């Protein structure tokens, strides 16, 4: 578990340094952390997607979420020619400080796992892994709303809502990118 967290911390540091170019192989630290999320994968492909205003507005409407970022990098994990899954790294402000998390998706686009890579708010505001686990298996058609199909968290409401909201738009962004062929 300690090696897994160290790998994910390396992924966060690489993500904060900037995304890889379209089709470019991830840097070695990214590769190490991505292998922690997808141990079965043999290679990873990075693809930057630039969202125009119309696409961002459509995503916001579909996901019922603010889409503040105009660029997202999706990593495609492959085993041979088969797709093992996808991942994205996202950073946002929770209350006054940043949180960075990695979201891994199954090949069909459902959430595989969410891991918090960096959390700069007080630790008591960070959602527990047990809370994050309830997002596993959720897809773009799921509501992903705290107090609806996600349990609320006493003392970490803003964190929970932030992860739920960002997960909704990343699910929709991946779905749209796959439909358009921008991500395999």
C-alpha atoms as a PDB file:
ATOM      1  CA  UNK A   1       0.000   0.000   0.000  1.00  0.00           C
ATOM      2  CA  UNK A   2       2.866   2.394   0.809  1.00  0.00           C
ATOM      3  CA  UNK A   3       4.441   1.774  -2.640  1.00  0.00           C
ATOM      4  CA  UNK A   4       1.036   2.395  -4.251  1.00  0.00           C
ATOM      5  CA  UNK A   5       0.670   5.752  -2.458  1.00  0.00           C
ATOM      6  CA  UNK A   6       4.251   6.725  -3.368  1.00  0.00           C
ATOM      7  CA  UNK A   7       3.514   5.949  -7.017  1.00  0.00           C
ATOM      8  CA  UNK A   8       0.363   8.039  -6.907  1.00  0.00           C
ATOM      9  CA  UNK A   9       2.230  10.923  -5.266  1.00  0.00           C
ATOM     10  CA  UNK A  10       4.697  10.803  -8.164  1.00  0.00           C
ATOM     11  CA  UNK A  11       1.741  10.933 -10.546  1.00  0.00           C
ATOM     12  CA  UNK A  12       0.401  14.028  -8.772  1.00  0.00           C
ATOM     13  CA  UNK A  13       3.754  15.768  -9.001  1.00  0.00           C
ATOM     14  CA  UNK A  14       4.010  14.971 -12.696  1.00  0.00           C
ATOM     15  CA  UNK A  15       0.421  16.101 -13.276  1.00  0.00           C
ATOM     16  CA  UNK A  16       1.004  19.418 -11.573  1.00  0.00           C
ATOM     17  CA  UNK A  17       4.102  19.911 -13.748  1.00  0.00           C
ATOM     18  CA  UNK A  18       1.925  19.740 -16.860  1.00  0.00           C
ATOM     19  CA  UNK A  19       0.263  17.180 -19.136  1.00  0.00           C
ATOM     20  CA  UNK A  20       1.981  15.163 -21.822  1.00  0.00           C
ATOM     21  CA  UNK A  21       1.383  16.043 -25.461  1.00  0.00           C
ATOM     22  CA  UNK A  22      -1.181  14.271 -27.626  1.00  0.00           C
ATOM     23  CA  UNK A  23      -0.076  10.715 -28.348  1.00  0.00           C
ATOM     24  CA  UNK A  24       3.186  11.217 -26.437  1.00  0.00           C
ATOM     25  CA  UNK A  25       4.212   8.493 -24.000  1.00  0.00           C
ATOM     26  CA  UNK A  26       3.813   9.522 -20.354  1.00  0.00           C
ATOM     27  CA  UNK A  27       6.944  10.470 -18.408  1.00  0.00           C
ATOM     28  CA  UNK A  28       8.459   7.700 -16.305  1.00  0.00           C
ATOM     29  CA  UNK A  29       6.933   8.942 -13.017  1.00  0.00           C
ATOM     30  CA  UNK A  30       3.514   9.103 -14.645  1.00  0.00           C
ATOM     31  CA  UNK A  31       4.031   5.642 -16.077  1.00  0.00           C
ATOM     32  CA  UNK A  32       4.919   4.266 -12.646  1.00  0.00           C
ATOM     33  CA  UNK A  33       1.810   5.742 -11.053  1.00  0.00           C
ATOM     34  CA  UNK A  34      -0.448   4.731 -13.932  1.00  0.00           C
ATOM     35  CA  UNK A  35       0.822   1.170 -13.518  1.00  0.00           C
ATOM     36  CA  UNK A  36      -0.306   1.370  -9.891  1.00  0.00           C
ATOM     37  CA  UNK A  37      -3.837   2.170 -11.123  1.00  0.00           C
ATOM     38  CA  UNK A  38      -3.646  -0.365 -13.982  1.00  0.00           C
ATOM     39  CA  UNK A  39      -1.122  -3.065 -12.979  1.00  0.00           C
ATOM     40  CA  UNK A  40      -2.220  -5.231 -15.912  1.00  0.00           C
ATOM     41  CA  UNK A  41      -1.380  -2.553 -18.514  1.00  0.00           C
ATOM     42  CA  UNK A  42       1.685  -2.888 -20.733  1.00  0.00           C
ATOM     43  CA  UNK A  43       1.668   0.686 -22.054  1.00  0.00           C
ATOM     44  CA  UNK A  44      -0.136   4.011 -21.812  1.00  0.00           C
ATOM     45  CA  UNK A  45      -1.082   6.614 -24.385  1.00  0.00           C
ATOM     46  CA  UNK A  46      -1.771  10.218 -23.403  1.00  0.00           C
ATOM     47  CA  UNK A  47      -4.235  12.369 -25.291  1.00  0.00           C
ATOM     48  CA  UNK A  48      -4.881  16.051 -24.559  1.00  0.00           C
ATOM     49  CA  UNK A  49      -8.380  17.262 -25.384  1.00  0.00           C
ATOM     50  CA  UNK A  50      -9.043  20.959 -25.753  1.00  0.00           C
ATOM     51  CA  UNK A  51     -12.665  21.825 -25.002  1.00  0.00           C
ATOM     52  CA  UNK A  52     -14.149  24.690 -26.976  1.00  0.00           C
ATOM     53  CA  UNK A  53     -16.819  26.890 -25.389  1.00  0.00           C
ATOM     54  CA  UNK A  54     -19.692  24.955 -26.963  1.00  0.00           C
ATOM     55  CA  UNK A  55     -18.337  21.583 -25.821  1.00  0.00           C
ATOM     56  CA  UNK A  56     -17.676  22.872 -22.301  1.00  0.00           C
ATOM     57  CA  UNK A  57     -21.211  24.299 -22.117  1.00  0.00           C
ATOM     58  CA  UNK A  58     -22.696  21.004 -23.318  1.00  0.00           C
ATOM     59  CA  UNK A  59     -20.622  19.041 -20.775  1.00  0.00           C
ATOM     60  CA  UNK A  60     -21.737  21.393 -17.995  1.00  0.00           C
ATOM     61  CA  UNK A  61     -25.369  20.891 -18.978  1.00  0.00           C
ATOM     62  CA  UNK A  62     -25.139  17.097 -19.232  1.00  0.00           C
ATOM     63  CA  UNK A  63     -23.092  16.698 -16.059  1.00  0.00           C
ATOM     64  CA  UNK A  64     -24.884  19.362 -14.018  1.00  0.00           C
ATOM     65  CA  UNK A  65     -21.436  20.688 -13.137  1.00  0.00           C
ATOM     66  CA  UNK A  66     -19.144  23.645 -13.669  1.00  0.00           C
ATOM     67  CA  UNK A  67     -16.538  22.944 -16.329  1.00  0.00           C
ATOM     68  CA  UNK A  68     -13.780  25.413 -15.521  1.00  0.00           C
ATOM     69  CA  UNK A  69     -10.959  23.586 -17.298  1.00  0.00           C
ATOM     70  CA  UNK A  70     -10.656  23.770 -21.057  1.00  0.00           C
ATOM     71  CA  UNK A  71      -8.078  21.000 -21.346  1.00  0.00           C
ATOM     72  CA  UNK A  72      -8.155  17.480 -20.013  1.00  0.00           C
ATOM     73  CA  UNK A  73      -5.618  14.704 -20.557  1.00  0.00           C
ATOM     74  CA  UNK A  74      -6.923  11.168 -20.803  1.00  0.00           C
ATOM     75  CA  UNK A  75      -4.511   8.257 -20.498  1.00  0.00           C
ATOM     76  CA  UNK A  76      -5.439   5.044 -22.277  1.00  0.00           C
ATOM     77  CA  UNK A  77      -4.078   1.919 -20.557  1.00  0.00           C
ATOM     78  CA  UNK A  78      -3.428  -0.970 -22.951  1.00  0.00           C
ATOM     79  CA  UNK A  79      -2.639  -4.643 -22.590  1.00  0.00           C
ATOM     80  CA  UNK A  80      -1.588  -5.841 -26.018  1.00  0.00           C
ATOM     81  CA  UNK A  81      -4.088  -4.295 -28.401  1.00  0.00           C
ATOM     82  CA  UNK A  82      -6.881  -4.360 -25.799  1.00  0.00           C
ATOM     83  CA  UNK A  83      -7.845  -1.319 -23.758  1.00  0.00           C
ATOM     84  CA  UNK A  84      -7.485  -1.969 -20.021  1.00  0.00           C
ATOM     85  CA  UNK A  85      -9.062   1.375 -19.111  1.00  0.00           C
ATOM     86  CA  UNK A  86      -8.622   5.143 -18.993  1.00  0.00           C
ATOM     87  CA  UNK A  87      -7.404   7.640 -16.421  1.00  0.00           C
ATOM     88  CA  UNK A  88      -7.450  11.378 -15.870  1.00  0.00           C
ATOM     89  CA  UNK A  89      -5.885  13.604 -13.261  1.00  0.00           C
ATOM     90  CA  UNK A  90      -7.816  16.591 -12.017  1.00  0.00           C
ATOM     91  CA  UNK A  91      -6.999  19.407  -9.649  1.00  0.00           C
ATOM     92  CA  UNK A  92      -9.452  21.923  -8.197  1.00  0.00           C
ATOM     93  CA  UNK A  93      -9.970  24.202  -5.201  1.00  0.00           C
ATOM     94  CA  UNK A  94     -12.116  22.661  -2.457  1.00  0.00           C
ATOM     95  CA  UNK A  95     -12.624  25.580  -0.098  1.00  0.00           C
ATOM     96  CA  UNK A  96      -9.488  27.711  -0.339  1.00  0.00           C
ATOM     97  CA  UNK A  97      -6.843  25.104  -1.147  1.00  0.00           C
ATOM     98  CA  UNK A  98      -6.273  22.557  -3.898  1.00  0.00           C
ATOM     99  CA  UNK A  99      -7.097  18.892  -4.149  1.00  0.00           C
ATOM    100  CA  UNK A 100      -5.728  16.637  -6.872  1.00  0.00           C
ATOM    101  CA  UNK A 101      -7.189  13.246  -7.622  1.00  0.00           C
ATOM    102  CA  UNK A 102      -6.729  10.503 -10.195  1.00  0.00           C
ATOM    103  CA  UNK A 103      -9.818   8.906 -11.634  1.00  0.00           C
ATOM    104  CA  UNK A 104      -9.470   5.540 -13.355  1.00  0.00           C
ATOM    105  CA  UNK A 105     -12.180   4.294 -15.712  1.00  0.00           C
ATOM    106  CA  UNK A 106     -13.030   0.790 -16.889  1.00  0.00           C
ATOM    107  CA  UNK A 107     -12.890   0.148 -20.672  1.00  0.00           C
ATOM    108  CA  UNK A 108     -16.663   0.740 -20.851  1.00  0.00           C
ATOM    109  CA  UNK A 109     -16.239   4.175 -19.212  1.00  0.00           C
ATOM    110  CA  UNK A 110     -17.528   3.370 -15.703  1.00  0.00           C
ATOM    111  CA  UNK A 111     -15.453   4.584 -12.752  1.00  0.00           C
ATOM    112  CA  UNK A 112     -12.907   2.008 -11.674  1.00  0.00           C
ATOM    113  CA  UNK A 113     -11.300   3.912  -8.821  1.00  0.00           C
ATOM    114  CA  UNK A 114     -10.699   7.404  -7.477  1.00  0.00           C
ATOM    115  CA  UNK A 115      -7.556   8.146  -5.507  1.00  0.00           C
ATOM    116  CA  UNK A 116      -6.753  11.452  -3.853  1.00  0.00           C
ATOM    117  CA  UNK A 117      -3.191  12.360  -4.754  1.00  0.00           C
ATOM    118  CA  UNK A 118      -2.842  15.684  -2.942  1.00  0.00           C
ATOM    119  CA  UNK A 119      -5.131  17.355  -0.424  1.00  0.00           C
ATOM    120  CA  UNK A 120      -4.033  20.723   0.939  1.00  0.00           C
ATOM    121  CA  UNK A 121      -7.116  21.456   3.056  1.00  0.00           C
ATOM    122  CA  UNK A 122      -7.113  20.233   6.682  1.00  0.00           C
ATOM    123  CA  UNK A 123      -7.089  16.409   6.750  1.00  0.00           C
ATOM    124  CA  UNK A 124     -10.478  16.177   8.462  1.00  0.00           C
ATOM    125  CA  UNK A 125     -12.060  17.575   5.273  1.00  0.00           C
ATOM    126  CA  UNK A 126     -10.676  14.770   3.103  1.00  0.00           C
ATOM    127  CA  UNK A 127     -13.151  12.070   2.049  1.00  0.00           C
ATOM    128  CA  UNK A 128     -12.178   8.614   3.277  1.00  0.00           C
ATOM    129  CA  UNK A 129     -11.346   5.803   0.856  1.00  0.00           C
ATOM    130  CA  UNK A 130     -14.523   4.100   2.028  1.00  0.00           C
ATOM    131  CA  UNK A 131     -16.564   7.090   0.811  1.00  0.00           C
ATOM    132  CA  UNK A 132     -14.657   7.189  -2.501  1.00  0.00           C
ATOM    133  CA  UNK A 133     -15.372   3.464  -3.012  1.00  0.00           C
ATOM    134  CA  UNK A 134     -19.085   4.159  -3.481  1.00  0.00           C
ATOM    135  CA  UNK A 135     -18.218   5.790  -6.829  1.00  0.00           C
ATOM    136  CA  UNK A 136     -16.718   2.535  -8.170  1.00  0.00           C
ATOM    137  CA  UNK A 137     -18.821   1.146 -10.992  1.00  0.00           C
ATOM    138  CA  UNK A 138     -20.740   4.395 -11.542  1.00  0.00           C
ATOM    139  CA  UNK A 139     -21.192   5.597 -15.103  1.00  0.00           C
ATOM    140  CA  UNK A 140     -22.206   8.715 -17.014  1.00  0.00           C
ATOM    141  CA  UNK A 141     -25.889   7.884 -16.597  1.00  0.00           C
ATOM    142  CA  UNK A 142     -25.649   7.717 -12.796  1.00  0.00           C
ATOM    143  CA  UNK A 143     -26.677  10.832 -10.893  1.00  0.00           C
ATOM    144  CA  UNK A 144     -23.540  11.049  -8.692  1.00  0.00           C
ATOM    145  CA  UNK A 145     -25.079  13.528  -6.282  1.00  0.00           C
ATOM    146  CA  UNK A 146     -24.177  13.787  -2.604  1.00  0.00           C
ATOM    147  CA  UNK A 147     -27.288  13.097  -0.542  1.00  0.00           C
ATOM    148  CA  UNK A 148     -28.922  11.257  -3.446  1.00  0.00           C
ATOM    149  CA  UNK A 149     -26.933   8.220  -4.612  1.00  0.00           C
ATOM    150  CA  UNK A 150     -23.764   9.212  -2.712  1.00  0.00           C
ATOM    151  CA  UNK A 151     -23.755   9.337   1.071  1.00  0.00           C
ATOM    152  CA  UNK A 152     -23.067  12.740   2.619  1.00  0.00           C
ATOM    153  CA  UNK A 153     -19.986  13.237   4.786  1.00  0.00           C
ATOM    154  CA  UNK A 154     -20.169  15.244   7.999  1.00  0.00           C
ATOM    155  CA  UNK A 155     -17.411  17.871   7.902  1.00  0.00           C
ATOM    156  CA  UNK A 156     -16.326  17.125   4.329  1.00  0.00           C
ATOM    157  CA  UNK A 157     -19.349  18.278   2.340  1.00  0.00           C
ATOM    158  CA  UNK A 158     -17.414  20.588  -0.004  1.00  0.00           C
ATOM    159  CA  UNK A 159     -14.817  17.895  -0.699  1.00  0.00           C
ATOM    160  CA  UNK A 160     -17.480  15.295  -1.440  1.00  0.00           C
ATOM    161  CA  UNK A 161     -19.446  17.634  -3.690  1.00  0.00           C
ATOM    162  CA  UNK A 162     -16.262  18.669  -5.517  1.00  0.00           C
ATOM    163  CA  UNK A 163     -15.251  15.095  -6.293  1.00  0.00           C
ATOM    164  CA  UNK A 164     -18.802  14.163  -7.318  1.00  0.00           C
ATOM    165  CA  UNK A 165     -19.123  17.195  -9.606  1.00  0.00           C
ATOM    166  CA  UNK A 166     -15.711  16.706 -11.250  1.00  0.00           C
ATOM    167  CA  UNK A 167     -16.358  12.977 -11.651  1.00  0.00           C
ATOM    168  CA  UNK A 168     -19.627  13.726 -13.461  1.00  0.00           C
ATOM    169  CA  UNK A 169     -18.030  16.006 -16.030  1.00  0.00           C
ATOM    170  CA  UNK A 170     -14.957  13.788 -16.502  1.00  0.00           C
ATOM    171  CA  UNK A 171     -17.279  10.813 -17.115  1.00  0.00           C
ATOM    172  CA  UNK A 172     -19.170  12.859 -19.722  1.00  0.00           C
ATOM    173  CA  UNK A 173     -15.951  14.205 -21.281  1.00  0.00           C
ATOM    174  CA  UNK A 174     -14.574  10.666 -21.652  1.00  0.00           C
ATOM    175  CA  UNK A 175     -17.887   9.448 -23.082  1.00  0.00           C
ATOM    176  CA  UNK A 176     -17.914  12.270 -25.664  1.00  0.00           C
ATOM    177  CA  UNK A 177     -14.244  11.835 -26.556  1.00  0.00           C
ATOM    178  CA  UNK A 178     -14.727   8.100 -27.123  1.00  0.00           C
ATOM    179  CA  UNK A 179     -17.818   8.713 -29.244  1.00  0.00           C
ATOM    180  CA  UNK A 180     -15.918  11.235 -31.417  1.00  0.00           C
ATOM    181  CA  UNK A 181     -12.872   8.968 -31.688  1.00  0.00           C
ATOM    182  CA  UNK A 182     -10.633  11.483 -29.875  1.00  0.00           C
ATOM    183  CA  UNK A 183      -9.785   8.768 -27.346  1.00  0.00           C
ATOM    184  CA  UNK A 184      -9.632   5.137 -28.531  1.00  0.00           C
END
